[in-house]
Amino acid sequence: MRIVVMGVTGCGKSTVGARLAESLAVTFGDADDLHPEANVAKMSRGEPLADDDRWPWLDEVGAWLAARPDSVIACSALKRAYRDRLRAAAEGVFFIHLSAPFTAISARVEERTRATDHFAGVDLLVSQYAALEPLQGDEDGLTIDIAHAAPAQAVEYARQVVA
């Protein structure tokens, strides 16, 4: 199974995704590593990406998934159209949406920004929440409320669903 751990910046995609992949003994990838330098530079300046910025990146993510039938990747996948593009590139994609209110995530992002040099800061959250289209009933996936679940709990719940 191909799993995409999705959500806004700072929701824990990389942490949960890496731990889930380890627990399933499959490959893990972080879609942030597939962004072209221009995208990283734009986000580092606090500028949200436009769809035209995202399409080539999503194609890279889709190719990564297609080449790895048993894998987990952390990827924002904020809009239905983005998820559709990933599904078109690779069969059997299952989405795990890590969801929480803006206030919970902004505190995490502020802390991460102080502790690391991650390119996505709080200023991007407003645009990401505006763009976010939660999973719809006809999409193969699940939503986990991470405001009330530690990463270990999110991993265990996801593992029970996908295993």
Protein backbone atom coordinates (compact mmCIF):
# COMPACT_ATOMS: atom_id res chain seq x y z
CA MET A 1 0.00 0.00 0.00
CA ARG A 2 1.11 3.52 -0.80
CA ILE A 3 0.36 5.90 2.10
CA VAL A 4 0.44 9.69 2.03
CA VAL A 5 0.48 11.36 5.44
CA MET A 6 -1.08 14.75 4.66
CA GLY A 7 -1.90 18.04 6.31
CA VAL A 8 -0.72 21.59 6.83
CA THR A 9 2.84 22.49 7.70
CA GLY A 10 3.76 21.57 11.26
CA CYS A 11 1.02 18.98 11.82
CA GLY A 12 3.52 16.14 12.25
CA LYS A 13 3.52 14.58 8.79
CA SER A 14 7.22 13.73 8.84
CA THR A 15 7.24 12.44 12.40
CA VAL A 16 4.12 10.30 12.05
CA GLY A 17 5.04 9.20 8.52
CA ALA A 18 8.54 8.07 9.47
CA ARG A 19 7.30 6.20 12.52
CA LEU A 20 4.47 4.59 10.56
CA ALA A 21 6.85 3.48 7.81
CA GLU A 22 9.21 2.03 10.38
CA SER A 23 6.37 0.13 12.09
CA LEU A 24 5.24 -1.25 8.73
CA ALA A 25 8.82 -1.98 7.59
CA VAL A 26 8.38 0.06 4.39
CA THR A 27 10.23 2.94 2.73
CA PHE A 28 9.64 6.48 4.01
CA GLY A 29 10.00 9.67 2.03
CA ASP A 30 9.43 13.33 2.72
CA ALA A 31 7.92 15.31 -0.15
CA ASP A 32 9.65 18.44 1.18
CA ASP A 33 12.88 16.88 -0.13
CA LEU A 34 11.40 16.83 -3.65
CA HIS A 35 10.62 20.55 -3.83
CA PRO A 36 12.70 22.45 -6.39
CA GLU A 37 14.92 25.20 -4.98
CA ALA A 38 12.57 27.89 -6.32
CA ASN A 39 9.70 26.51 -4.23
CA VAL A 40 11.84 26.33 -1.10
CA ALA A 41 13.07 29.89 -1.65
CA LYS A 42 9.52 31.14 -2.13
CA MET A 43 8.25 29.43 1.03
CA SER A 44 11.31 30.62 2.97
CA ARG A 45 10.22 34.17 2.17
CA GLY A 46 6.78 33.35 3.59
CA GLU A 47 5.15 33.26 0.16
CA PRO A 48 2.58 30.52 -0.40
CA LEU A 49 3.00 28.31 -3.43
CA ALA A 50 0.55 28.68 -6.29
CA ASP A 51 -0.88 25.67 -8.08
CA ASP A 52 1.58 26.27 -10.94
CA ASP A 53 4.41 25.90 -8.41
CA ARG A 54 2.93 22.73 -7.03
CA TRP A 55 2.09 20.72 -10.17
CA PRO A 56 5.70 19.77 -11.10
CA TRP A 57 6.43 18.99 -7.46
CA LEU A 58 3.31 16.81 -7.18
CA ASP A 59 4.42 14.99 -10.33
CA GLU A 60 7.73 14.23 -8.57
CA VAL A 61 5.86 12.98 -5.52
CA GLY A 62 3.62 10.85 -7.75
CA ALA A 63 6.65 9.36 -9.51
CA TRP A 64 8.24 8.62 -6.14
CA LEU A 65 5.07 6.80 -5.04
CA ALA A 66 4.72 4.93 -8.33
CA ALA A 67 8.26 3.56 -7.96
CA ARG A 68 7.59 2.36 -4.40
CA PRO A 69 4.49 0.15 -4.03
CA ASP A 70 5.05 -0.29 -0.30
CA SER A 71 5.84 3.16 1.04
CA VAL A 72 4.83 6.10 3.18
CA ILE A 73 5.44 9.71 2.17
CA ALA A 74 4.79 12.92 4.08
CA CYS A 75 3.13 15.39 1.69
CA SER A 76 0.76 18.29 2.33
CA ALA A 77 -1.73 17.16 -0.38
CA LEU A 78 -3.97 20.02 0.71
CA LYS A 79 -6.46 20.03 -2.17
CA ARG A 80 -8.57 17.29 -3.68
CA ALA A 81 -7.02 18.07 -7.09
CA TYR A 82 -3.56 17.45 -5.64
CA ARG A 83 -4.64 14.12 -4.19
CA ASP A 84 -6.30 13.18 -7.48
CA ARG A 85 -3.01 13.89 -9.24
CA LEU A 86 -1.15 11.58 -6.84
CA ARG A 87 -3.77 8.86 -7.29
CA ALA A 88 -3.44 9.18 -11.08
CA ALA A 89 0.33 8.70 -10.81
CA ALA A 90 0.28 5.70 -8.46
CA GLU A 91 -2.38 3.08 -7.76
CA GLY A 92 -3.65 2.30 -4.30
CA VAL A 93 -2.82 5.56 -2.53
CA PHE A 94 -4.28 5.84 0.96
CA PHE A 95 -4.33 9.25 2.65
CA ILE A 96 -3.93 9.90 6.36
CA HIS A 97 -4.93 13.48 7.17
CA LEU A 98 -3.40 14.82 10.37
CA SER A 99 -5.88 17.47 11.45
CA ALA A 100 -5.92 20.07 14.22
CA PRO A 101 -7.14 23.63 14.76
CA PHE A 102 -4.99 26.52 13.56
CA THR A 103 -4.04 27.54 17.11
CA ALA A 104 -2.61 24.11 17.92
CA ILE A 105 -0.55 23.96 14.75
CA SER A 106 0.69 27.56 14.85
CA ALA A 107 2.20 26.95 18.28
CA ARG A 108 4.03 23.89 16.93
CA VAL A 109 5.31 25.77 13.89
CA GLU A 110 6.56 28.67 16.01
CA GLU A 111 8.45 26.21 18.20
CA ARG A 112 9.89 24.38 15.16
CA THR A 113 10.97 27.67 13.58
CA ARG A 114 12.87 28.61 16.73
CA ALA A 115 14.51 25.18 16.98
CA THR A 116 15.35 24.46 13.33
CA ASP A 117 15.89 26.12 10.00
CA HIS A 118 12.77 24.61 8.40
CA PHE A 119 11.63 26.75 5.49
CA ALA A 120 7.90 26.73 6.31
CA GLY A 121 6.93 29.18 9.02
CA VAL A 122 3.73 30.38 10.65
CA ASP A 123 3.12 32.89 7.85
CA LEU A 124 2.37 29.99 5.48
CA LEU A 125 -0.25 28.45 7.76
CA VAL A 126 -2.98 30.97 6.95
CA SER A 127 -2.73 30.21 3.22
CA GLN A 128 -2.52 26.46 3.85
CA TYR A 129 -5.65 26.43 6.00
CA ALA A 130 -7.41 28.51 3.33
CA ALA A 131 -6.41 25.99 0.66
CA LEU A 132 -7.07 22.86 2.75
CA GLU A 133 -9.82 20.61 1.44
CA PRO A 134 -10.31 17.81 3.98
CA LEU A 135 -10.69 14.25 2.77
CA GLN A 136 -14.07 13.60 1.21
CA GLY A 137 -16.22 10.54 1.74
CA ASP A 138 -15.26 8.99 -1.58
CA GLU A 139 -11.52 9.27 -0.91
CA ASP A 140 -9.58 6.29 0.42
CA GLY A 141 -8.22 7.53 3.70
CA LEU A 142 -8.77 8.57 7.29
CA THR A 143 -8.49 11.70 9.40
CA ILE A 144 -6.71 11.74 12.75
CA ASP A 145 -7.29 14.59 15.20
CA ILE A 146 -3.73 15.24 16.28
CA ALA A 147 -4.75 17.99 18.69
CA HIS A 148 -5.78 15.14 21.01
CA ALA A 149 -3.36 12.41 19.95
CA ALA A 150 0.39 12.19 20.46
CA PRO A 151 2.43 11.00 17.46
CA ALA A 152 2.70 7.48 18.91
CA GLN A 153 -1.10 7.29 19.23
CA ALA A 154 -1.58 8.58 15.68
CA VAL A 155 0.87 5.98 14.38
CA GLU A 156 -0.85 3.15 16.26
CA TYR A 157 -4.29 4.19 15.02
CA ALA A 158 -3.06 4.52 11.43
CA ARG A 159 -1.28 1.17 11.66
CA GLN A 160 -4.45 -0.57 12.83
CA VAL A 161 -6.39 0.88 9.89
CA VAL A 162 -3.83 0.15 7.14
CA ALA A 163 -2.40 -3.17 8.36
